[in-house]
Amino acid sequence: MKSLSKEDFLEGQLLLIDKPMGWSSFQAVNKLKWAIRKKFQLKKIKIGHAGTLDPLATGLLLICTGKFTKKINDLQGQVKEYTGTITLGATTPSFDPETEVDQTFPIDHISDTLIQETTTGFIGEIEQVPPVFSALKKDGKRLYEYAREGKEVEIKKRQVTISEFEITQINLPEIEFRVVCSKGTYIRSLAHDFGKALQSGGHLSTLRRTKIGDYNVDIATDPNDFADMLLD
């Protein structure tokens, strides 16, 4: 990381962060905010991220400081690339390992050919229902709050675009994938729907965001490393 001054951060920086497993996006932002304020004895600084990553996901988080926070909306709209693993034969209420398996399904009928052929139905403009365990709001309340209270809510379908959906490895019940998609796409919903399309069940077991637009996780920094380097 190049040496940055107080003025640099206040004028605006776009920081590429590799969010660790178990961290919320908010925690990653707060770690950077704490380090910048401590380094330069700042009472406050504008800082925010351009697109949430679930705590169980890892990968690229774009964090803007100072005047660059005005760019967040534009950055959020960029195409994103993810890699990850779908586990077939079982579903969970959250569509990922945050909740326990609630149903199991046979996978004996699933062949490599069937898996590859099924991906074609998910390329282009598709409709998906966001997971009930998500931060989307309905009537001023987060969906995951309803879910944790055991309340059923109607969630509207949304249209998203999947420009690439590639199966990179098959080792049943797990399949590894790479997907390039539009803003608003839920990869957890994609995993759930993919399992259903295979006449089975599926949930997302790992997820990593690798690209946002032209920005690549390969040159991103762990938030702890960022803080250590800045305060060194």
Protein backbone atom coordinates (compact mmCIF):
# COMPACT_ATOMS: atom_id res chain seq x y z
CA MET A 1 0.00 0.00 0.00
CA LYS A 2 1.39 3.37 -1.00
CA SER A 3 1.87 5.98 1.70
CA LEU A 4 -1.25 8.14 1.99
CA SER A 5 -1.67 11.41 3.86
CA LYS A 6 -4.61 12.74 5.86
CA GLU A 7 -5.45 14.98 2.91
CA ASP A 8 -5.46 11.97 0.57
CA PHE A 9 -8.09 10.19 2.65
CA LEU A 10 -10.21 13.34 3.07
CA GLU A 11 -10.05 14.24 -0.62
CA GLY A 12 -11.04 10.68 -1.41
CA GLN A 13 -9.60 7.21 -1.82
CA LEU A 14 -10.98 4.02 -3.31
CA LEU A 15 -9.65 1.14 -1.20
CA LEU A 16 -9.76 -2.46 -2.39
CA ILE A 17 -10.35 -4.70 0.62
CA ASP A 18 -10.42 -8.50 0.78
CA LYS A 19 -13.13 -9.15 3.38
CA PRO A 20 -12.36 -12.15 5.61
CA MET A 21 -14.83 -14.93 6.44
CA GLY A 22 -17.07 -14.08 9.39
CA TRP A 23 -16.74 -10.31 9.05
CA SER A 24 -19.72 -8.17 8.14
CA SER A 25 -19.11 -5.47 5.52
CA PHE A 26 -19.88 -2.94 8.26
CA GLN A 27 -17.08 -4.39 10.44
CA ALA A 28 -14.59 -4.06 7.58
CA VAL A 29 -15.55 -0.39 7.07
CA ASN A 30 -15.29 0.26 10.80
CA LYS A 31 -11.81 -1.31 10.97
CA LEU A 32 -10.54 1.07 8.28
CA LYS A 33 -12.34 4.03 9.81
CA TRP A 34 -10.78 3.31 13.21
CA ALA A 35 -7.28 3.00 11.73
CA ILE A 36 -7.53 6.21 9.64
CA ARG A 37 -8.93 8.23 12.54
CA LYS A 38 -6.27 6.92 14.92
CA LYS A 39 -3.41 7.55 12.48
CA PHE A 40 -4.36 11.17 11.75
CA GLN A 41 -6.18 12.07 15.01
CA LEU A 42 -9.38 12.73 13.07
CA LYS A 43 -12.66 13.18 14.93
CA LYS A 44 -14.59 11.99 11.89
CA ILE A 45 -14.18 10.95 8.29
CA LYS A 46 -16.69 9.94 5.67
CA ILE A 47 -16.29 6.29 4.71
CA GLY A 48 -18.56 3.64 3.20
CA HIS A 49 -18.63 0.50 1.05
CA ALA A 50 -20.03 -0.04 -2.44
CA GLY A 51 -21.97 -3.28 -2.09
CA THR A 52 -22.54 -5.58 0.88
CA LEU A 53 -20.97 -9.02 1.20
CA ASP A 54 -22.59 -11.54 3.55
CA PRO A 55 -20.52 -12.43 6.65
CA LEU A 56 -20.04 -16.01 5.37
CA ALA A 57 -18.69 -14.74 2.03
CA THR A 58 -15.15 -13.50 1.42
CA GLY A 59 -13.64 -11.28 -1.22
CA LEU A 60 -13.67 -7.88 -2.81
CA LEU A 61 -15.19 -4.95 -0.97
CA LEU A 62 -14.77 -1.46 -2.45
CA ILE A 63 -14.46 1.11 0.34
CA CYS A 64 -14.58 4.83 -0.39
CA THR A 65 -13.31 7.62 1.85
CA GLY A 66 -13.88 11.38 1.92
CA LYS A 67 -15.26 12.93 -1.25
CA PHE A 68 -15.10 9.55 -3.03
CA THR A 69 -18.17 8.42 -1.04
CA LYS A 70 -20.15 10.27 -3.73
CA LYS A 71 -19.03 7.55 -6.18
CA ILE A 72 -20.60 4.69 -4.18
CA ASN A 73 -23.85 4.53 -6.17
CA ASP A 74 -21.98 4.30 -9.49
CA LEU A 75 -19.64 1.62 -8.16
CA GLN A 76 -22.56 -0.43 -6.81
CA GLY A 77 -24.05 -0.64 -10.29
CA GLN A 78 -21.05 -2.39 -11.83
CA VAL A 79 -21.00 -6.01 -12.97
CA LYS A 80 -19.68 -8.46 -10.37
CA GLU A 81 -17.88 -11.80 -10.57
CA TYR A 82 -18.09 -14.53 -7.93
CA THR A 83 -16.68 -17.99 -7.42
CA GLY A 84 -18.04 -20.50 -4.96
CA THR A 85 -19.48 -23.90 -4.15
CA ILE A 86 -23.05 -25.21 -4.31
CA THR A 87 -23.85 -28.29 -2.22
CA LEU A 88 -26.58 -30.36 -3.88
CA GLY A 89 -29.04 -32.67 -2.16
CA ALA A 90 -29.95 -30.37 0.72
CA THR A 91 -31.60 -27.00 1.32
CA THR A 92 -31.40 -24.52 4.19
CA PRO A 93 -33.85 -21.70 5.05
CA SER A 94 -31.14 -19.06 4.48
CA PHE A 95 -29.92 -20.77 1.26
CA ASP A 96 -26.44 -21.00 2.86
CA PRO A 97 -24.78 -22.52 5.99
CA GLU A 98 -26.07 -19.75 8.29
CA THR A 99 -29.03 -22.02 9.06
CA GLU A 100 -29.29 -25.81 9.45
CA VAL A 101 -30.34 -28.16 6.65
CA ASP A 102 -34.15 -28.39 6.60
CA GLN A 103 -34.69 -30.83 3.72
CA THR A 104 -32.66 -33.47 1.88
CA PHE A 105 -33.12 -34.72 -1.67
CA PRO A 106 -31.73 -37.50 -3.91
CA ILE A 107 -28.79 -36.70 -6.17
CA ASP A 108 -28.28 -40.16 -7.79
CA HIS A 109 -29.92 -38.97 -11.02
CA ILE A 110 -27.62 -35.95 -11.39
CA SER A 111 -24.93 -36.39 -14.06
CA ASP A 112 -22.14 -34.06 -15.14
CA THR A 113 -23.99 -33.54 -18.43
CA LEU A 114 -27.23 -32.61 -16.67
CA ILE A 115 -25.40 -30.09 -14.50
CA GLN A 116 -23.72 -28.43 -17.51
CA GLU A 117 -26.98 -28.37 -19.51
CA THR A 118 -28.93 -26.87 -16.61
CA THR A 119 -26.62 -23.85 -16.39
CA THR A 120 -27.89 -22.58 -19.76
CA GLY A 121 -31.33 -21.92 -18.25
CA PHE A 122 -29.79 -19.42 -15.86
CA ILE A 123 -27.89 -17.31 -18.40
CA GLY A 124 -29.41 -14.02 -19.55
CA GLU A 125 -32.21 -12.10 -17.85
CA ILE A 126 -33.77 -14.27 -15.13
CA GLU A 127 -36.22 -13.78 -12.29
CA GLN A 128 -35.25 -14.72 -8.76
CA VAL A 129 -36.72 -14.36 -5.29
CA PRO A 130 -34.26 -12.87 -2.77
CA PRO A 131 -33.58 -15.06 0.30
CA VAL A 132 -35.83 -14.40 3.30
CA PHE A 133 -32.60 -14.20 5.32
CA SER A 134 -31.45 -10.96 3.67
CA ALA A 135 -31.09 -7.30 4.57
CA LEU A 136 -33.76 -6.16 2.11
CA LYS A 137 -36.52 -4.12 3.73
CA LYS A 138 -40.26 -4.75 3.65
CA ASP A 139 -42.54 -2.28 5.43
CA GLY A 140 -39.51 -0.69 7.08
CA LYS A 141 -38.19 -3.95 8.52
CA ARG A 142 -35.31 -6.18 7.37
CA LEU A 143 -36.40 -9.51 5.87
CA TYR A 144 -34.06 -11.46 8.17
CA GLU A 145 -35.88 -9.95 11.17
CA TYR A 146 -39.15 -11.48 9.96
CA ALA A 147 -37.34 -14.77 9.29
CA ARG A 148 -35.85 -14.94 12.78
CA GLU A 149 -39.29 -14.28 14.26
CA GLY A 150 -40.67 -17.17 12.21
CA LYS A 151 -43.01 -14.87 10.27
CA GLU A 152 -43.79 -15.55 6.63
CA VAL A 153 -43.66 -12.59 4.28
CA GLU A 154 -44.33 -12.30 0.58
CA ILE A 155 -41.14 -11.43 -1.30
CA LYS A 156 -41.46 -10.11 -4.82
CA LYS A 157 -39.41 -11.59 -7.64
CA ARG A 158 -36.76 -9.37 -9.17
CA GLN A 159 -35.17 -9.43 -12.60
CA VAL A 160 -31.39 -9.81 -12.73
CA THR A 161 -28.88 -10.58 -15.45
CA ILE A 162 -26.45 -13.50 -15.42
CA SER A 163 -23.95 -12.95 -18.23
CA GLU A 164 -21.73 -15.96 -17.43
CA PHE A 165 -22.39 -19.10 -15.37
CA GLU A 166 -19.60 -21.66 -15.56
CA ILE A 167 -19.27 -24.93 -13.65
CA THR A 168 -15.54 -25.26 -12.92
CA GLN A 169 -15.48 -28.54 -10.97
CA ILE A 170 -17.92 -31.34 -10.13
CA ASN A 171 -17.37 -33.52 -7.09
CA LEU A 172 -20.87 -34.44 -5.96
CA PRO A 173 -22.57 -33.37 -3.83
CA GLU A 174 -20.43 -30.27 -4.36
CA ILE A 175 -20.06 -28.29 -7.56
CA GLU A 176 -17.77 -25.30 -7.96
CA PHE A 177 -18.77 -22.38 -10.16
CA ARG A 178 -17.90 -18.95 -11.50
CA VAL A 179 -20.65 -16.43 -12.22
CA VAL A 180 -20.71 -12.91 -13.68
CA CYS A 181 -23.88 -11.02 -12.85
CA SER A 182 -25.66 -7.69 -12.51
CA LYS A 183 -26.27 -5.60 -9.44
CA GLY A 184 -28.94 -7.08 -7.16
CA THR A 185 -28.22 -10.73 -7.97
CA TYR A 186 -28.38 -13.08 -4.99
CA ILE A 187 -25.96 -15.97 -5.50
CA ARG A 188 -27.68 -17.79 -2.61
CA SER A 189 -30.94 -17.67 -4.58
CA LEU A 190 -29.10 -18.86 -7.69
CA ALA A 191 -27.76 -21.87 -5.74
CA HIS A 192 -31.22 -22.67 -4.35
CA ASP A 193 -32.91 -22.37 -7.76
CA PHE A 194 -30.16 -24.38 -9.45
CA GLY A 195 -30.73 -27.28 -7.05
CA LYS A 196 -34.46 -27.13 -7.76
CA ALA A 197 -33.85 -27.10 -11.53
CA LEU A 198 -31.86 -30.33 -11.10
CA GLN A 199 -34.96 -31.94 -9.50
CA SER A 200 -33.10 -31.94 -6.20
CA GLY A 201 -32.14 -29.28 -3.68
CA GLY A 202 -29.13 -27.05 -3.25
CA HIS A 203 -27.59 -24.36 -1.10
CA LEU A 204 -24.57 -22.10 -1.33
CA SER A 205 -21.74 -23.45 0.82
CA THR A 206 -18.89 -21.06 -0.08
CA LEU A 207 -18.77 -17.71 -1.86
CA ARG A 208 -15.99 -15.33 -2.87
CA ARG A 209 -16.40 -12.05 -4.77
CA THR A 210 -13.51 -11.82 -7.19
CA LYS A 211 -14.30 -8.74 -9.30
CA ILE A 212 -16.40 -5.57 -9.31
CA GLY A 213 -16.20 -3.92 -12.73
CA ASP A 214 -12.48 -3.67 -13.54
CA TYR A 215 -11.40 -4.04 -9.89
CA ASN A 216 -9.92 -7.42 -8.91
CA VAL A 217 -9.56 -9.05 -5.50
CA ASP A 218 -6.02 -10.10 -6.50
CA ILE A 219 -4.78 -6.64 -5.51
CA ALA A 220 -7.05 -6.19 -2.48
CA THR A 221 -5.80 -5.93 1.13
CA ASP A 222 -7.01 -7.69 4.27
CA PRO A 223 -8.56 -5.05 6.62
CA ASN A 224 -6.27 -6.09 9.50
CA ASP A 225 -3.23 -5.77 7.22
CA PHE A 226 -4.44 -2.34 6.07
CA ALA A 227 -4.69 -1.14 9.68
CA ASP A 228 -1.29 -2.59 10.60
CA MET A 229 0.43 -0.98 7.60
CA LEU A 230 -1.21 2.39 8.18
CA LEU A 231 -0.37 2.46 11.89
CA ASP A 232 3.13 0.99 11.53
